[in-house]
Amino acid sequence: MKLNTKSALFPRAMVFAAVFALACSATLAPLHAQDLMDQASQSAKSHHLNYLAAGKPDAATILAPPPAPDSAEQAADLDEVRAVYHAASSNDIAAAYAEKKFSVFNFTAAVGSYFVETNLPKTAAFFKKVQLDAETVTDLGKDFFQRPRPFTTDPSLANGKLEKSFSYPSGHSTESMVLALVLADLLPDKHDAILAHARSIGWHRVQIARHYQSDIYAGRVLAIAIVKQMKKSDSFEKDFAEVQAELAAAQK
């Protein structure tokens, strides 16, 4: 449509403003959409890594891709979530919601009553760093694979406050297993109980339809790679030794 620049209804300044606004809207709209897509990755990339080097490990190269959206494998994965979700007990659901935020001290029942944050300041600080590193690696993996969560694909599974991040791999599964593997190295006599508790934290996420079972399994694989890489860090080994001494003293 041709604008009549000589018309009193469209003085030259107004014409310029209208054209400028149209140009800006055409330019800014896709950028705004891209900004929204990048929000999750920005939070992950801004984390300071404590015991890992950037990109080591890289979830995108360690993990196989999740099932394709329209595949039979994806349909079976979603059917499993539906079955697990509808079969979950009230106790499992309550436990899952209670674990929305968790730390290494969620493992107190598996370790012993002495294992509380107020007794173990070095342990608390150490595992906070460990968990932050695991979170960063996992979030970057989520942003790479961009798998929608089960409740996004099937809205009938939506319940409670819903996460906005992607699904694969599971952050709860990865982080809890990283904590468990390191903690089990510190307390080998509690190894089986510690790892079992980490597995339950991951599985609870399927029971409230936050994740597919394949998200959970991928998290466990990624956790092994994260811990293996952490053990190459001198600062990790130094802090590990200090925590080991603190835990030994707390048990006397």
Protein backbone atom coordinates (compact mmCIF):
# COMPACT_ATOMS: atom_id res chain seq x y z
CA MET A 1 0.00 0.00 0.00
CA LYS A 2 1.47 3.37 -1.11
CA LEU A 3 1.49 6.14 1.45
CA ASN A 4 0.54 9.65 0.26
CA THR A 5 3.29 11.71 1.84
CA LYS A 6 1.68 14.96 0.70
CA SER A 7 -1.53 14.29 2.59
CA ALA A 8 -2.21 16.23 5.76
CA LEU A 9 -3.07 12.91 7.40
CA PHE A 10 0.49 11.69 6.84
CA PRO A 11 2.97 14.49 7.45
CA ARG A 12 6.56 13.55 6.66
CA ALA A 13 7.53 12.92 10.31
CA MET A 14 4.60 10.55 10.83
CA VAL A 15 5.43 8.62 7.67
CA PHE A 16 9.01 8.19 8.84
CA ALA A 17 7.82 7.02 12.28
CA ALA A 18 5.40 4.50 10.78
CA VAL A 19 8.01 3.02 8.46
CA PHE A 20 10.57 2.89 11.27
CA ALA A 21 8.11 1.11 13.58
CA LEU A 22 7.30 -1.49 10.91
CA ALA A 23 10.98 -2.13 10.29
CA CYS A 24 11.68 -2.51 14.00
CA SER A 25 8.81 -4.89 14.56
CA ALA A 26 9.96 -7.10 11.70
CA THR A 27 13.49 -7.14 13.07
CA LEU A 28 12.79 -7.47 16.77
CA ALA A 29 10.10 -10.15 16.72
CA PRO A 30 12.37 -13.07 15.77
CA LEU A 31 15.08 -11.79 18.07
CA HIS A 32 12.63 -11.72 20.96
CA ALA A 33 11.57 -15.29 20.22
CA GLN A 34 15.20 -16.37 20.15
CA ASP A 35 15.81 -14.59 23.46
CA LEU A 36 13.02 -16.61 25.01
CA MET A 37 14.54 -19.85 23.68
CA ASP A 38 17.91 -18.90 25.11
CA GLN A 39 16.75 -18.02 28.64
CA ALA A 40 17.33 -21.47 30.13
CA SER A 41 20.78 -21.87 28.59
CA GLN A 42 21.87 -18.44 29.81
CA SER A 43 21.24 -19.46 33.40
CA ALA A 44 23.23 -22.65 32.96
CA LYS A 45 26.16 -21.02 31.17
CA SER A 46 26.43 -18.30 33.82
CA HIS A 47 27.24 -20.83 36.55
CA HIS A 48 30.79 -20.87 37.83
CA LEU A 49 32.25 -24.36 37.57
CA ASN A 50 34.08 -25.56 40.66
CA TYR A 51 35.56 -28.95 39.82
CA LEU A 52 34.92 -29.24 36.08
CA ALA A 53 36.37 -27.61 33.00
CA ALA A 54 33.89 -26.08 30.56
CA GLY A 55 32.51 -28.72 28.22
CA LYS A 56 33.92 -31.64 30.22
CA PRO A 57 31.84 -33.67 30.26
CA ASP A 58 29.48 -32.66 27.48
CA ALA A 59 26.03 -34.25 27.67
CA ALA A 60 25.51 -33.69 23.95
CA THR A 61 28.39 -36.01 23.05
CA ILE A 62 27.99 -38.54 25.88
CA LEU A 63 24.27 -39.22 25.63
CA ALA A 64 22.33 -40.69 22.74
CA PRO A 65 19.45 -38.46 21.63
CA PRO A 66 16.05 -39.07 23.24
CA PRO A 67 13.34 -40.77 21.17
CA ALA A 68 12.14 -38.82 18.13
CA PRO A 69 8.87 -36.95 18.80
CA ASP A 70 6.67 -39.02 16.44
CA SER A 71 8.38 -42.37 16.93
CA ALA A 72 6.98 -45.60 18.37
CA GLU A 73 9.72 -45.37 20.99
CA GLN A 74 8.44 -41.98 22.13
CA ALA A 75 4.86 -43.30 22.25
CA ALA A 76 5.98 -46.23 24.42
CA ASP A 77 7.97 -43.91 26.67
CA LEU A 78 4.92 -41.71 27.18
CA ASP A 79 2.68 -44.72 27.83
CA GLU A 80 5.09 -45.79 30.56
CA VAL A 81 4.86 -42.35 32.19
CA ARG A 82 1.06 -42.53 32.12
CA ALA A 83 1.09 -45.98 33.73
CA VAL A 84 3.60 -45.01 36.42
CA TYR A 85 1.83 -41.71 37.12
CA HIS A 86 -1.57 -43.33 37.62
CA ALA A 87 -0.13 -46.15 39.74
CA ALA A 88 1.90 -43.91 42.08
CA SER A 89 0.98 -44.08 45.75
CA SER A 90 0.18 -41.00 47.81
CA ASN A 91 3.43 -41.56 49.74
CA ASP A 92 5.48 -41.61 46.53
CA ILE A 93 3.79 -38.46 45.28
CA ALA A 94 4.37 -36.69 48.59
CA ALA A 95 8.04 -37.72 48.53
CA ALA A 96 8.42 -36.46 44.96
CA TYR A 97 7.02 -33.05 45.84
CA ALA A 98 9.19 -32.89 48.96
CA GLU A 99 12.25 -33.46 46.76
CA LYS A 100 11.53 -30.51 44.46
CA LYS A 101 14.61 -28.92 46.04
CA PHE A 102 17.16 -31.30 47.49
CA SER A 103 20.73 -31.52 48.71
CA VAL A 104 23.14 -34.16 49.91
CA PHE A 105 21.37 -34.06 53.26
CA ASN A 106 18.39 -35.78 51.69
CA PHE A 107 20.59 -38.85 52.16
CA THR A 108 20.58 -38.62 55.98
CA ALA A 109 18.28 -41.63 56.35
CA ALA A 110 20.72 -43.73 54.32
CA VAL A 111 23.81 -42.44 56.16
CA GLY A 112 22.87 -41.85 59.80
CA SER A 113 21.41 -39.27 62.15
CA TYR A 114 24.75 -37.45 62.53
CA PHE A 115 24.64 -36.52 58.85
CA VAL A 116 23.08 -33.06 59.12
CA GLU A 117 24.25 -29.73 57.78
CA THR A 118 24.76 -28.05 61.15
CA ASN A 119 27.29 -30.74 62.13
CA LEU A 120 29.19 -30.76 58.85
CA PRO A 121 30.00 -27.33 57.39
CA LYS A 122 32.83 -28.53 55.12
CA THR A 123 30.67 -31.36 53.84
CA ALA A 124 27.81 -28.97 53.11
CA ALA A 125 30.04 -26.53 51.21
CA PHE A 126 31.74 -29.29 49.23
CA PHE A 127 28.54 -30.97 48.08
CA LYS A 128 26.95 -27.65 47.20
CA LYS A 129 29.80 -27.11 44.72
CA VAL A 130 29.47 -30.66 43.43
CA GLN A 131 25.73 -30.26 42.86
CA LEU A 132 26.09 -26.89 41.13
CA ASP A 133 28.57 -28.39 38.67
CA ALA A 134 26.21 -31.28 37.98
CA GLU A 135 23.32 -28.87 37.50
CA THR A 136 25.27 -26.80 34.97
CA VAL A 137 26.24 -29.81 32.86
CA THR A 138 22.68 -31.14 32.94
CA ASP A 139 21.07 -27.82 32.04
CA LEU A 140 23.32 -27.46 29.02
CA GLY A 141 22.30 -30.97 27.97
CA LYS A 142 18.62 -30.09 28.35
CA ASP A 143 19.05 -27.02 26.18
CA PHE A 144 20.84 -29.04 23.52
CA PHE A 145 18.29 -31.85 23.24
CA GLN A 146 15.21 -29.67 23.95
CA ARG A 147 12.88 -32.56 24.72
CA PRO A 148 9.45 -31.41 25.95
CA ARG A 149 8.38 -32.79 29.31
CA PRO A 150 5.66 -35.47 29.46
CA PHE A 151 3.05 -33.05 30.79
CA THR A 152 3.72 -30.77 27.82
CA THR A 153 3.12 -33.58 25.35
CA ASP A 154 0.11 -34.86 27.30
CA PRO A 155 -1.53 -32.02 29.29
CA SER A 156 -3.63 -34.53 31.25
CA LEU A 157 -0.42 -35.32 33.17
CA ALA A 158 -0.01 -31.74 34.40
CA ASN A 159 -0.06 -31.41 38.18
CA GLY A 160 1.26 -28.95 40.74
CA LYS A 161 3.73 -26.21 39.83
CA LEU A 162 5.16 -27.09 36.43
CA GLU A 163 8.77 -26.67 35.35
CA LYS A 164 9.60 -24.57 32.29
CA SER A 165 12.88 -26.31 31.46
CA PHE A 166 13.34 -29.22 29.07
CA SER A 167 13.14 -32.89 30.04
CA TYR A 168 16.26 -34.76 28.84
CA PRO A 169 18.33 -35.61 30.80
CA SER A 170 16.66 -35.43 34.20
CA GLY A 171 18.31 -32.92 36.51
CA HIS A 172 17.07 -34.70 39.63
CA SER A 173 18.39 -38.04 38.41
CA THR A 174 21.76 -36.62 37.35
CA GLU A 175 22.35 -34.46 40.43
CA SER A 176 21.16 -37.03 42.96
CA MET A 177 23.33 -39.73 41.41
CA VAL A 178 26.37 -37.43 41.31
CA LEU A 179 25.86 -36.68 45.01
CA ALA A 180 25.36 -40.37 45.72
CA LEU A 181 28.45 -41.56 43.86
CA VAL A 182 30.69 -39.07 45.64
CA LEU A 183 29.05 -39.72 49.02
CA ALA A 184 29.36 -43.48 48.55
CA ASP A 185 33.09 -43.04 47.91
CA LEU A 186 33.31 -41.20 51.22
CA LEU A 187 31.17 -43.77 53.07
CA PRO A 188 31.70 -47.10 51.30
CA ASP A 189 29.92 -49.03 54.06
CA LYS A 190 26.73 -47.16 53.12
CA HIS A 191 27.25 -47.54 49.37
CA ASP A 192 24.17 -49.58 48.48
CA ALA A 193 21.73 -47.57 50.61
CA ILE A 194 23.06 -44.27 49.25
CA LEU A 195 22.75 -45.30 45.60
CA ALA A 196 19.31 -46.79 46.17
CA HIS A 197 18.11 -43.48 47.56
CA ALA A 198 19.45 -41.60 44.53
CA ARG A 199 17.60 -43.99 42.25
CA SER A 200 14.38 -43.35 44.14
CA ILE A 201 14.79 -39.56 43.80
CA GLY A 202 15.05 -39.98 40.05
CA TRP A 203 12.15 -42.41 39.80
CA HIS A 204 9.86 -40.16 41.82
CA ARG A 205 10.10 -37.69 38.94
CA VAL A 206 8.47 -40.21 36.62
CA GLN A 207 5.76 -40.83 39.21
CA ILE A 208 4.65 -37.19 39.02
CA ALA A 209 5.11 -37.05 35.22
CA ARG A 210 8.00 -34.60 35.27
CA HIS A 211 10.19 -36.99 33.31
CA TYR A 212 10.26 -40.02 31.05
CA GLN A 213 12.06 -43.08 32.28
CA SER A 214 14.64 -42.54 29.51
CA ASP A 215 15.37 -39.10 31.04
CA ILE A 216 16.13 -40.81 34.34
CA TYR A 217 18.42 -43.43 32.84
CA ALA A 218 20.28 -40.79 30.82
CA GLY A 219 20.82 -38.82 34.03
CA ARG A 220 22.50 -41.79 35.67
CA VAL A 221 24.84 -42.26 32.73
CA LEU A 222 25.71 -38.57 32.74
CA ALA A 223 26.32 -38.65 36.50
CA ILE A 224 29.01 -41.29 36.11
CA ALA A 225 30.78 -39.15 33.51
CA ILE A 226 30.55 -36.04 35.71
CA VAL A 227 32.05 -37.75 38.75
CA LYS A 228 34.81 -39.31 36.66
CA GLN A 229 35.75 -35.86 35.36
CA MET A 230 35.57 -34.26 38.82
CA LYS A 231 38.11 -36.74 40.14
CA LYS A 232 40.67 -35.29 37.74
CA SER A 233 40.52 -31.98 39.62
CA ASP A 234 43.18 -31.28 42.26
CA SER A 235 40.80 -29.01 44.14
CA PHE A 236 38.17 -31.75 44.20
CA GLU A 237 40.65 -34.21 45.69
CA LYS A 238 41.78 -31.67 48.27
CA ASP A 239 38.22 -30.85 49.36
CA PHE A 240 37.26 -34.52 49.28
CA ALA A 241 40.04 -35.33 51.77
CA GLU A 242 38.90 -32.57 54.12
CA VAL A 243 35.31 -33.79 54.00
CA GLN A 244 36.47 -37.36 54.60
CA ALA A 245 38.21 -36.20 57.78
CA GLU A 246 35.18 -34.20 58.92
CA LEU A 247 32.87 -37.18 58.43
CA ALA A 248 35.26 -39.50 60.29
CA ALA A 249 35.39 -37.11 63.23
CA ALA A 250 31.58 -36.75 63.29
CA GLN A 251 31.13 -40.50 63.62
CA LYS A 252 33.31 -40.83 66.74
